[in-house]
Amino acid sequence: MALELRPNCEFCDRDLPPASLLARICSYECTFCVECVESELHNVCPNCGGGFAPRPIRPVIEWRPGLSVEKRPPSTNRRYLSFTPAEIAAHSRRIKDIPPEDR
C-alpha cells in the first residue's frame, strides 16, 4: 500500500505537493510542513504524539511498471487539525522532551 501523500500541512494549510522537501509525516501519515513541525509542534504529532520524518518523494517517472505519481496519484483530500492551538501547545509541552522512540 502506497503512502497517501496528503496535499497540505494540517496546521497552517501550506500546500505540500508530492515532490515537496518541506513535508514531514508521522507513522500515521499525519502531514505537516517542516516549519510547523519545528516551531509550533516541537516534533510532537498533535494527533498521535509521535515524532516526524521527512516524507518520501514518489517518482514522477515510471521506472517500474505502475509505480509513479501518475499511476498512484497523491491524495487531494486536505486535512485539518481538530484541536485548538492551545490544546496543541499543551500537548507538545507535555511530551516534547521525551525522545520520539521513548514515547
C-alpha atoms as a PDB file:
ATOM      1  CA  MET A   1       0.000   0.000   0.000  1.00  0.00           C
ATOM      2  CA  ALA A   2       1.426   3.374  -1.013  1.00  0.00           C
ATOM      3  CA  LEU A   3       1.562   6.449   1.180  1.00  0.00           C
ATOM      4  CA  GLU A   4      -1.429   8.744   0.794  1.00  0.00           C
ATOM      5  CA  LEU A   5       0.785  11.818   0.159  1.00  0.00           C
ATOM      6  CA  ARG A   6      -1.565  14.355   1.706  1.00  0.00           C
ATOM      7  CA  PRO A   7      -1.592  17.722  -0.077  1.00  0.00           C
ATOM      8  CA  ASN A   8      -1.269  20.167   2.810  1.00  0.00           C
ATOM      9  CA  CYS A   9       0.123  20.974   6.230  1.00  0.00           C
ATOM     10  CA  GLU A  10      -2.581  20.120   8.743  1.00  0.00           C
ATOM     11  CA  PHE A  11      -1.505  23.043  10.938  1.00  0.00           C
ATOM     12  CA  CYS A  12      -1.020  26.028   8.594  1.00  0.00           C
ATOM     13  CA  ASP A  13      -2.637  24.624   5.399  1.00  0.00           C
ATOM     14  CA  ARG A  14       0.512  25.194   3.322  1.00  0.00           C
ATOM     15  CA  ASP A  15       0.487  23.306   0.029  1.00  0.00           C
ATOM     16  CA  LEU A  16       2.809  20.286   0.097  1.00  0.00           C
ATOM     17  CA  PRO A  17       2.943  18.813  -3.417  1.00  0.00           C
ATOM     18  CA  PRO A  18       4.249  15.254  -3.895  1.00  0.00           C
ATOM     19  CA  ALA A  19       7.857  16.376  -4.523  1.00  0.00           C
ATOM     20  CA  SER A  20       7.999  18.818  -1.594  1.00  0.00           C
ATOM     21  CA  LEU A  21      11.120  18.570   0.520  1.00  0.00           C
ATOM     22  CA  LEU A  22       9.291  20.509   3.251  1.00  0.00           C
ATOM     23  CA  ALA A  23       6.753  17.761   4.073  1.00  0.00           C
ATOM     24  CA  ARG A  24       7.039  15.827   7.324  1.00  0.00           C
ATOM     25  CA  ILE A  25       4.942  12.836   8.363  1.00  0.00           C
ATOM     26  CA  CYS A  26       4.400  10.753  11.487  1.00  0.00           C
ATOM     27  CA  SER A  27       3.905   6.982  11.380  1.00  0.00           C
ATOM     28  CA  TYR A  28       0.168   7.526  10.755  1.00  0.00           C
ATOM     29  CA  GLU A  29       0.892   9.853   7.794  1.00  0.00           C
ATOM     30  CA  CYS A  30      -0.240  12.984   9.640  1.00  0.00           C
ATOM     31  CA  THR A  31       1.336  15.624   7.416  1.00  0.00           C
ATOM     32  CA  PHE A  32       2.874  18.956   8.350  1.00  0.00           C
ATOM     33  CA  CYS A  33       5.429  21.368   6.915  1.00  0.00           C
ATOM     34  CA  VAL A  34       8.913  21.485   8.390  1.00  0.00           C
ATOM     35  CA  GLU A  35       8.362  24.999   9.780  1.00  0.00           C
ATOM     36  CA  CYS A  36       5.297  23.951  11.791  1.00  0.00           C
ATOM     37  CA  VAL A  37       6.989  20.743  12.984  1.00  0.00           C
ATOM     38  CA  GLU A  38       9.965  22.715  14.304  1.00  0.00           C
ATOM     39  CA  SER A  39       8.405  25.959  15.552  1.00  0.00           C
ATOM     40  CA  GLU A  40       4.837  25.047  16.544  1.00  0.00           C
ATOM     41  CA  LEU A  41       4.726  21.308  17.182  1.00  0.00           C
ATOM     42  CA  HIS A  42       8.267  20.763  18.542  1.00  0.00           C
ATOM     43  CA  ASN A  43       8.471  17.378  16.773  1.00  0.00           C
ATOM     44  CA  VAL A  44       5.313  16.142  18.542  1.00  0.00           C
ATOM     45  CA  CYS A  45       2.438  14.990  16.359  1.00  0.00           C
ATOM     46  CA  PRO A  46      -0.658  16.687  17.775  1.00  0.00           C
ATOM     47  CA  ASN A  47      -2.743  13.655  16.804  1.00  0.00           C
ATOM     48  CA  CYS A  48      -0.724  10.652  17.991  1.00  0.00           C
ATOM     49  CA  GLY A  49       2.196  12.089  19.971  1.00  0.00           C
ATOM     50  CA  GLY A  50       4.831  10.526  17.737  1.00  0.00           C
ATOM     51  CA  GLY A  51       7.746  12.249  16.049  1.00  0.00           C
ATOM     52  CA  PHE A  52       8.198  13.219  12.416  1.00  0.00           C
ATOM     53  CA  ALA A  53      10.370  12.186   9.486  1.00  0.00           C
ATOM     54  CA  PRO A  54      10.782  13.674   6.005  1.00  0.00           C
ATOM     55  CA  ARG A  55       8.054  12.420   3.693  1.00  0.00           C
ATOM     56  CA  PRO A  56       9.465  10.273   0.860  1.00  0.00           C
ATOM     57  CA  ILE A  57       9.255  11.568  -2.702  1.00  0.00           C
ATOM     58  CA  ARG A  58       7.175   9.482  -5.097  1.00  0.00           C
ATOM     59  CA  PRO A  59       8.883   9.196  -8.503  1.00  0.00           C
ATOM     60  CA  VAL A  60       7.385  11.168 -11.375  1.00  0.00           C
ATOM     61  CA  ILE A  61       8.890   8.770 -13.912  1.00  0.00           C
ATOM     62  CA  GLU A  62       7.503   5.243 -14.021  1.00  0.00           C
ATOM     63  CA  TRP A  63      10.825   3.425 -13.521  1.00  0.00           C
ATOM     64  CA  ARG A  64       8.953   0.231 -12.682  1.00  0.00           C
ATOM     65  CA  PRO A  65       5.519  -0.686 -14.090  1.00  0.00           C
ATOM     66  CA  GLY A  66       2.689   1.001 -12.184  1.00  0.00           C
ATOM     67  CA  LEU A  67       4.916   2.901  -9.749  1.00  0.00           C
ATOM     68  CA  SER A  68       4.831   6.656 -10.252  1.00  0.00           C
ATOM     69  CA  VAL A  69       2.849   9.753  -9.313  1.00  0.00           C
ATOM     70  CA  GLU A  70       0.791   9.279 -12.474  1.00  0.00           C
ATOM     71  CA  LYS A  71      -0.057   5.634 -11.743  1.00  0.00           C
ATOM     72  CA  ARG A  72      -0.532   6.104  -7.984  1.00  0.00           C
ATOM     73  CA  PRO A  73      -1.624   9.726  -7.611  1.00  0.00           C
ATOM     74  CA  PRO A  74      -1.391  11.594  -4.322  1.00  0.00           C
ATOM     75  CA  SER A  75      -4.463  12.421  -2.273  1.00  0.00           C
ATOM     76  CA  THR A  76      -6.378  15.605  -2.981  1.00  0.00           C
ATOM     77  CA  ASN A  77      -8.161  15.442   0.402  1.00  0.00           C
ATOM     78  CA  ARG A  78      -6.988  18.336   2.536  1.00  0.00           C
ATOM     79  CA  ARG A  79      -6.753  17.529   6.255  1.00  0.00           C
ATOM     80  CA  TYR A  80      -7.104  19.890   9.192  1.00  0.00           C
ATOM     81  CA  LEU A  81      -6.487  19.524  12.907  1.00  0.00           C
ATOM     82  CA  SER A  82      -9.413  19.119  15.270  1.00  0.00           C
ATOM     83  CA  PHE A  83      -7.514  20.618  18.210  1.00  0.00           C
ATOM     84  CA  THR A  84      -7.197  24.248  19.219  1.00  0.00           C
ATOM     85  CA  PRO A  85      -3.787  25.947  19.173  1.00  0.00           C
ATOM     86  CA  ALA A  86      -3.857  25.960  22.993  1.00  0.00           C
ATOM     87  CA  GLU A  87      -4.544  22.202  23.124  1.00  0.00           C
ATOM     88  CA  ILE A  88      -1.730  21.551  20.652  1.00  0.00           C
ATOM     89  CA  ALA A  89       0.730  23.705  22.606  1.00  0.00           C
ATOM     90  CA  ALA A  90      -0.142  21.947  25.888  1.00  0.00           C
ATOM     91  CA  HIS A  91       0.227  18.514  24.258  1.00  0.00           C
ATOM     92  CA  SER A  92       3.626  19.436  22.779  1.00  0.00           C
ATOM     93  CA  ARG A  93       4.892  20.938  26.061  1.00  0.00           C
ATOM     94  CA  ARG A  94       3.928  17.804  27.957  1.00  0.00           C
ATOM     95  CA  ILE A  95       5.959  15.358  25.857  1.00  0.00           C
ATOM     96  CA  LYS A  96       8.421  17.306  23.659  1.00  0.00           C
ATOM     97  CA  ASP A  97      11.382  16.471  25.908  1.00  0.00           C
ATOM     98  CA  ILE A  98      10.760  12.730  25.595  1.00  0.00           C
ATOM     99  CA  PRO A  99      12.544  11.371  22.508  1.00  0.00           C
ATOM    100  CA  PRO A 100      10.058  10.020  19.930  1.00  0.00           C
ATOM    101  CA  GLU A 101      11.454   6.499  20.282  1.00  0.00           C
ATOM    102  CA  ASP A 102      10.569   6.577  24.016  1.00  0.00           C
ATOM    103  CA  ARG A 103       7.060   7.990  23.707  1.00  0.00           C
END
